[in-house]
Amino acid sequence: MDVLNKLDQNGRHYLEQLLTKFDSSEQSVSCHLEGLYRSSYQNYWDYLRLNTLLSTQNPKTSFPDEMVFILYHQVAELYFRMILWEMEQITREDRPVDEAFFLEKCERICRYFRQLVTSMEVMTEGLDARQFLQFRTSLTPASGFQSAQYRMIELNATSLRCLCGHGSDGLKEGMASEELYQRIYWKNGAKSRLTGNKDQSLKDFEIQYDRELIRLAEEKATTNLYALYLKYYRGGACSEQIKNALRQMDKLANVDWPLMHYRAAATHLGGGVKGTGGTNWKEYLPPKRQRIIFFPDLHSTEELDNWGKGAA
């Protein structure tokens, strides 16, 4: 049987490319063909590692809605990974990528954030409040603010100075990354307002991630989205589209997303109940209080003055 007669023109082309590839790297064509013959066909469950994925939900209580709680947060972390995947493609180096490519990545990030904001309804409307108030005590001192991936998203988006929020007053020029990092907004959410002492959730997080996040902040100081926009894109052919995408990203990440968290907490925790990590969510979550703005130069003075107002 003439094997080549079984191939169409496209098949012959790729066979020739394979032969050239193996020949140039001094690989055995026969060995590779034998390996291809002996390997199994790819299937859906193995490709996605479904058995592993579906084995990672381990509730600590018998309340059914704890499974929903775990699954939702895992889904959110997967979306964070998608956002980081897009960011990493355009923040690797201090150089401009194609404007259209930069814009495409920013629009994708916005799309993922919109999905996150919309999906929070799972927590506000789809979680039994009575069950939540009982199984949540088994999570202490874990807290949603301990998501390292989300902190990485922030550092890929903007400068440490912008992430100090309302604590940025009095910051001096030339402050070291480590000093700025200690004043980052989310650290204040896990400290006692009376004593200034750190909650256990913050202590644990600092031990696990502080060194890595400070290194990332230094690495992204000149390559975060804001720095790249100011240097390379605000005067280009796609500058208005890029500006609009970044403005949307800012609102989605720093107004809509924390606001949805605030509403979920208000729905299930009510008045004076603290977060599982000890965080005072009524102070930590409202966007008008934190005033985190990734791209301040892209907003009007009026928008900056009213950031998050009317939201919570």
Protein backbone atom coordinates (compact mmCIF):
# COMPACT_ATOMS: atom_id res chain seq x y z
CA MET A 1 0.00 0.00 0.00
CA ASP A 2 1.41 3.38 -0.99
CA VAL A 3 1.01 5.47 2.16
CA LEU A 4 1.66 8.74 0.34
CA ASN A 5 -1.37 8.13 -1.87
CA LYS A 6 -3.49 8.21 1.28
CA LEU A 7 -2.42 11.77 1.99
CA ASP A 8 -3.87 14.90 0.42
CA GLN A 9 -1.64 17.84 -0.50
CA ASN A 10 -1.90 19.32 2.99
CA GLY A 11 -0.94 15.99 4.57
CA ARG A 12 2.11 15.63 2.32
CA HIS A 13 3.18 19.14 3.24
CA TYR A 14 3.17 18.40 6.97
CA LEU A 15 4.86 15.03 6.47
CA GLU A 16 7.69 16.81 4.65
CA GLN A 17 7.86 19.39 7.46
CA LEU A 18 8.08 16.63 10.06
CA LEU A 19 10.84 14.84 8.17
CA THR A 20 12.78 18.09 7.89
CA LYS A 21 12.26 18.83 11.59
CA PHE A 22 13.48 15.40 12.71
CA ASP A 23 16.38 15.42 10.27
CA SER A 24 17.58 18.87 11.40
CA SER A 25 17.62 17.77 15.05
CA GLU A 26 19.12 14.34 14.23
CA GLN A 27 16.08 12.56 15.66
CA SER A 28 14.98 9.10 14.58
CA VAL A 29 11.90 9.38 12.38
CA SER A 30 11.05 5.72 13.00
CA CYS A 31 11.22 6.19 16.75
CA HIS A 32 8.82 9.14 16.68
CA LEU A 33 6.43 7.31 14.36
CA GLU A 34 6.46 4.28 16.62
CA GLY A 35 5.70 6.52 19.61
CA LEU A 36 2.79 8.07 17.73
CA TYR A 37 1.46 4.63 16.83
CA ARG A 38 1.66 3.31 20.39
CA SER A 39 0.16 6.36 22.10
CA SER A 40 -3.55 6.49 22.90
CA TYR A 41 -5.97 8.96 21.40
CA GLN A 42 -6.45 12.13 23.40
CA ASN A 43 -9.71 12.24 25.34
CA TYR A 44 -11.58 15.08 27.03
CA TRP A 45 -11.25 13.93 30.64
CA ASP A 46 -7.52 13.31 30.52
CA TYR A 47 -6.78 16.52 28.62
CA LEU A 48 -8.55 18.59 31.28
CA ARG A 49 -7.38 16.32 34.12
CA LEU A 50 -10.95 16.17 35.31
CA ASN A 51 -10.39 13.49 37.92
CA THR A 52 -7.75 15.69 39.56
CA LEU A 53 -9.81 18.86 39.18
CA LEU A 54 -12.95 17.35 40.67
CA SER A 55 -11.04 15.84 43.57
CA THR A 56 -9.90 19.22 44.93
CA GLN A 57 -13.15 20.15 46.68
CA ASN A 58 -12.82 19.10 50.30
CA PRO A 59 -15.51 20.62 52.54
CA LYS A 60 -14.71 20.86 56.23
CA THR A 61 -18.34 20.53 57.34
CA SER A 62 -21.46 18.61 56.32
CA PHE A 63 -23.38 21.68 55.12
CA PRO A 64 -24.18 21.19 51.40
CA ASP A 65 -23.62 24.84 50.45
CA GLU A 66 -20.01 24.72 51.58
CA MET A 67 -19.36 22.81 48.33
CA VAL A 68 -20.90 25.71 46.37
CA PHE A 69 -18.72 28.14 48.33
CA ILE A 70 -15.55 26.19 47.54
CA LEU A 71 -16.39 25.70 43.87
CA TYR A 72 -17.20 29.35 43.35
CA HIS A 73 -13.91 30.50 44.81
CA GLN A 74 -12.00 27.96 42.73
CA VAL A 75 -13.77 29.23 39.61
CA ALA A 76 -12.81 32.79 40.58
CA GLU A 77 -9.17 31.75 40.98
CA LEU A 78 -9.26 30.21 37.49
CA TYR A 79 -10.53 33.52 36.12
CA PHE A 80 -7.70 35.27 37.96
CA ARG A 81 -5.31 32.88 36.21
CA MET A 82 -6.83 33.81 32.85
CA ILE A 83 -6.39 37.52 33.62
CA LEU A 84 -2.77 36.97 34.63
CA TRP A 85 -2.18 34.92 31.49
CA GLU A 86 -3.23 37.87 29.34
CA MET A 87 -1.32 40.38 31.44
CA GLU A 88 1.90 38.40 31.38
CA GLN A 89 1.95 38.46 27.59
CA ILE A 90 2.17 42.27 27.51
CA THR A 91 4.03 43.10 30.76
CA ARG A 92 7.07 40.85 30.37
CA GLU A 93 9.44 43.54 29.12
CA ASP A 94 9.81 47.30 29.00
CA ARG A 95 9.09 47.54 25.30
CA PRO A 96 5.99 48.18 23.21
CA VAL A 97 4.09 45.31 21.66
CA ASP A 98 1.81 45.88 18.69
CA GLU A 99 -0.96 48.32 19.64
CA ALA A 100 -3.72 46.04 18.40
CA PHE A 101 -2.26 43.16 20.42
CA PHE A 102 -2.09 45.32 23.57
CA LEU A 103 -5.69 46.42 23.03
CA GLU A 104 -6.87 42.84 22.47
CA LYS A 105 -5.34 41.71 25.75
CA CYS A 106 -6.88 44.62 27.67
CA GLU A 107 -10.31 43.85 26.20
CA ARG A 108 -9.95 40.19 27.13
CA ILE A 109 -9.08 41.15 30.71
CA CYS A 110 -12.21 43.32 30.85
CA ARG A 111 -14.28 40.42 29.55
CA TYR A 112 -12.99 38.14 32.32
CA PHE A 113 -13.66 40.78 34.97
CA ARG A 114 -17.22 41.23 33.70
CA GLN A 115 -17.76 37.49 34.08
CA LEU A 116 -16.42 37.65 37.64
CA VAL A 117 -18.68 40.55 38.56
CA THR A 118 -21.76 38.86 37.09
CA SER A 119 -20.93 35.50 38.64
CA MET A 120 -20.90 36.94 42.17
CA GLU A 121 -24.67 36.44 42.10
CA VAL A 122 -23.83 32.83 42.95
CA MET A 123 -22.73 34.11 46.37
CA THR A 124 -25.35 36.80 46.96
CA GLU A 125 -28.42 34.91 45.73
CA GLY A 126 -27.36 31.27 45.50
CA LEU A 127 -25.97 30.59 48.96
CA ASP A 128 -28.10 29.68 51.96
CA ALA A 129 -27.35 32.35 54.57
CA ARG A 130 -28.10 30.04 57.53
CA GLN A 131 -25.69 27.40 56.27
CA PHE A 132 -23.04 29.99 55.48
CA LEU A 133 -23.12 31.48 58.97
CA GLN A 134 -22.48 28.01 60.39
CA PHE A 135 -19.84 26.58 58.06
CA ARG A 136 -17.89 29.85 57.80
CA THR A 137 -16.50 29.42 61.33
CA SER A 138 -14.59 26.35 60.14
CA LEU A 139 -12.70 28.53 57.63
CA THR A 140 -11.12 30.82 60.23
CA PRO A 141 -8.67 32.51 59.79
CA ALA A 142 -8.69 32.07 55.99
CA SER A 143 -9.87 35.14 54.08
CA GLY A 144 -10.59 36.05 50.48
CA PHE A 145 -8.06 38.87 50.70
CA GLN A 146 -5.39 36.12 50.83
CA SER A 147 -5.72 35.49 47.09
CA ALA A 148 -2.11 35.90 45.93
CA GLN A 149 -3.19 35.75 42.31
CA TYR A 150 -5.37 38.82 42.75
CA ARG A 151 -2.46 40.70 44.34
CA MET A 152 -0.38 39.71 41.31
CA ILE A 153 -3.08 41.12 39.02
CA GLU A 154 -2.89 44.44 40.85
CA LEU A 155 0.90 44.58 40.55
CA ASN A 156 0.72 43.78 36.84
CA ALA A 157 -1.84 46.55 36.40
CA THR A 158 -0.31 49.53 38.15
CA SER A 159 2.33 50.97 40.45
CA LEU A 160 2.66 50.31 44.17
CA ARG A 161 1.99 53.98 44.81
CA CYS A 162 -1.45 53.69 43.19
CA LEU A 163 -2.18 50.65 45.36
CA CYS A 164 -1.72 52.60 48.56
CA GLY A 165 -5.16 54.15 48.01
CA HIS A 166 -6.26 56.57 50.71
CA GLY A 167 -3.04 55.74 52.52
CA SER A 168 -1.00 57.40 49.75
CA ASP A 169 -1.10 60.81 51.45
CA GLY A 170 2.35 61.76 52.60
CA LEU A 171 4.21 59.26 50.44
CA LYS A 172 7.66 60.55 49.58
CA GLU A 173 9.28 60.38 46.18
CA GLY A 174 11.84 57.65 45.77
CA MET A 175 10.43 55.40 48.48
CA ALA A 176 11.68 51.82 48.16
CA SER A 177 9.35 49.13 46.87
CA GLU A 178 9.37 47.31 50.19
CA GLU A 179 8.39 50.46 52.08
CA LEU A 180 5.54 51.19 49.65
CA TYR A 181 4.41 47.58 49.79
CA GLN A 182 3.98 47.79 53.56
CA ARG A 183 1.45 50.59 52.98
CA ILE A 184 -0.54 48.75 50.33
CA TYR A 185 -4.28 49.16 50.91
CA TRP A 186 -5.33 45.59 51.65
CA LYS A 187 -2.94 45.24 54.60
CA ASN A 188 -4.95 47.81 56.52
CA GLY A 189 -8.05 45.66 56.08
CA ALA A 190 -6.52 42.95 58.27
CA LYS A 191 -5.33 45.12 61.14
CA SER A 192 -7.13 46.17 64.30
CA ARG A 193 -8.33 49.76 64.04
CA LEU A 194 -7.74 50.20 67.79
CA THR A 195 -4.29 48.65 68.22
CA GLY A 196 -2.93 48.38 64.68
CA ASN A 197 -2.07 44.73 65.35
CA LYS A 198 -2.15 42.34 62.40
CA ASP A 199 -4.78 39.62 62.20
CA GLN A 200 -3.57 36.04 61.86
CA SER A 201 -4.75 35.94 58.23
CA LEU A 202 -2.37 38.78 57.37
CA LYS A 203 0.53 37.26 59.32
CA ASP A 204 0.10 33.96 57.50
CA PHE A 205 -0.17 35.67 54.11
CA GLU A 206 2.95 37.76 54.70
CA ILE A 207 5.00 34.70 55.58
CA GLN A 208 3.80 32.86 52.49
CA TYR A 209 3.83 35.60 49.85
CA ASP A 210 5.41 38.93 50.87
CA ARG A 211 8.85 38.18 49.43
CA GLU A 212 7.39 36.98 46.13
CA LEU A 213 5.05 39.96 45.80
CA ILE A 214 7.75 42.53 46.59
CA ARG A 215 9.95 40.92 43.94
CA LEU A 216 7.07 41.07 41.45
CA ALA A 217 6.38 44.73 42.30
CA GLU A 218 10.00 45.61 41.56
CA GLU A 219 9.95 43.55 38.36
CA LYS A 220 6.75 45.25 37.12
CA ALA A 221 7.66 48.79 38.22
CA THR A 222 8.36 49.82 34.61
CA THR A 223 6.33 47.18 32.79
CA ASN A 224 2.91 47.26 34.46
CA LEU A 225 -0.04 48.20 32.24
CA TYR A 226 -0.14 51.78 33.49
CA ALA A 227 3.58 52.36 32.93
CA LEU A 228 3.44 50.83 29.45
CA TYR A 229 0.41 52.91 28.48
CA LEU A 230 2.03 56.17 29.59
CA LYS A 231 5.26 55.40 27.74
CA TYR A 232 4.05 53.80 24.53
CA TYR A 233 0.33 53.95 23.82
CA ARG A 234 -1.34 57.20 24.82
CA GLY A 235 -0.44 58.91 21.55
CA GLY A 236 -0.85 56.03 19.13
CA ALA A 237 -3.44 55.13 16.53
CA CYS A 238 -5.37 52.96 19.01
CA SER A 239 -4.85 55.28 21.98
CA GLU A 240 -8.54 56.10 22.51
CA GLN A 241 -9.59 52.46 22.31
CA ILE A 242 -6.83 51.42 24.69
CA LYS A 243 -7.73 54.25 27.05
CA ASN A 244 -11.38 53.19 27.06
CA ALA A 245 -10.44 49.55 27.71
CA LEU A 246 -8.19 50.54 30.63
CA ARG A 247 -10.90 52.81 32.06
CA GLN A 248 -13.36 49.92 31.90
CA MET A 249 -10.82 47.64 33.57
CA ASP A 250 -10.34 50.17 36.36
CA LYS A 251 -14.07 50.40 37.07
CA LEU A 252 -14.61 46.65 36.86
CA ALA A 253 -11.68 45.78 39.13
CA ASN A 254 -11.88 48.65 41.62
CA VAL A 255 -15.57 49.55 41.82
CA ASP A 256 -17.81 46.76 40.51
CA TRP A 257 -15.84 43.75 41.81
CA PRO A 258 -15.34 44.98 45.41
CA LEU A 259 -18.90 46.30 45.43
CA MET A 260 -20.25 42.84 44.60
CA HIS A 261 -18.15 41.44 47.45
CA TYR A 262 -19.57 44.10 49.75
CA ARG A 263 -23.13 43.18 48.78
CA ALA A 264 -22.46 39.48 49.33
CA ALA A 265 -21.00 40.21 52.78
CA ALA A 266 -23.90 42.52 53.67
CA THR A 267 -26.40 39.87 52.55
CA HIS A 268 -24.93 37.09 54.67
CA LEU A 269 -23.15 38.84 57.54
CA GLY A 270 -25.39 41.82 58.23
CA GLY A 271 -24.14 44.40 60.70
CA GLY A 272 -21.21 43.78 62.99
CA VAL A 273 -19.94 40.33 61.97
CA LYS A 274 -16.30 40.35 60.89
CA GLY A 275 -14.87 38.39 57.96
CA THR A 276 -13.43 34.93 58.60
CA GLY A 277 -9.92 36.36 58.55
CA GLY A 278 -10.87 39.06 61.04
CA THR A 279 -11.17 41.71 58.34
CA ASN A 280 -13.55 44.59 58.89
CA TRP A 281 -15.29 44.21 55.54
CA LYS A 282 -17.42 47.33 56.04
CA GLU A 283 -14.22 49.38 55.96
CA TYR A 284 -12.17 47.21 53.63
CA LEU A 285 -14.58 46.50 50.74
CA PRO A 286 -16.38 49.78 49.84
CA PRO A 287 -14.59 51.27 46.79
CA LYS A 288 -15.25 54.84 47.92
CA ARG A 289 -13.26 54.16 51.10
CA GLN A 290 -10.28 52.42 49.53
CA ARG A 291 -10.11 54.61 46.41
CA ILE A 292 -7.91 52.20 44.49
CA ILE A 293 -7.43 53.48 40.95
CA PHE A 294 -5.10 51.66 38.60
CA PHE A 295 -4.90 54.38 35.95
CA PRO A 296 -5.56 57.81 37.55
CA ASP A 297 -4.40 59.84 34.53
CA LEU A 298 -7.16 58.28 32.43
CA HIS A 299 -10.00 59.69 34.54
CA SER A 300 -11.32 63.24 34.88
CA THR A 301 -10.93 65.21 38.11
CA GLU A 302 -14.66 64.81 38.74
CA GLU A 303 -14.46 61.05 38.26
CA LEU A 304 -11.53 60.81 40.66
CA ASP A 305 -13.28 62.95 43.27
CA ASN A 306 -16.39 60.76 43.09
CA TRP A 307 -14.65 57.39 42.77
CA GLY A 308 -16.94 54.68 44.08
CA LYS A 309 -19.44 57.13 45.56
CA GLY A 310 -22.99 55.89 45.39
CA ALA A 311 -21.65 52.36 45.14
CA ALA A 312 -21.58 51.46 48.80
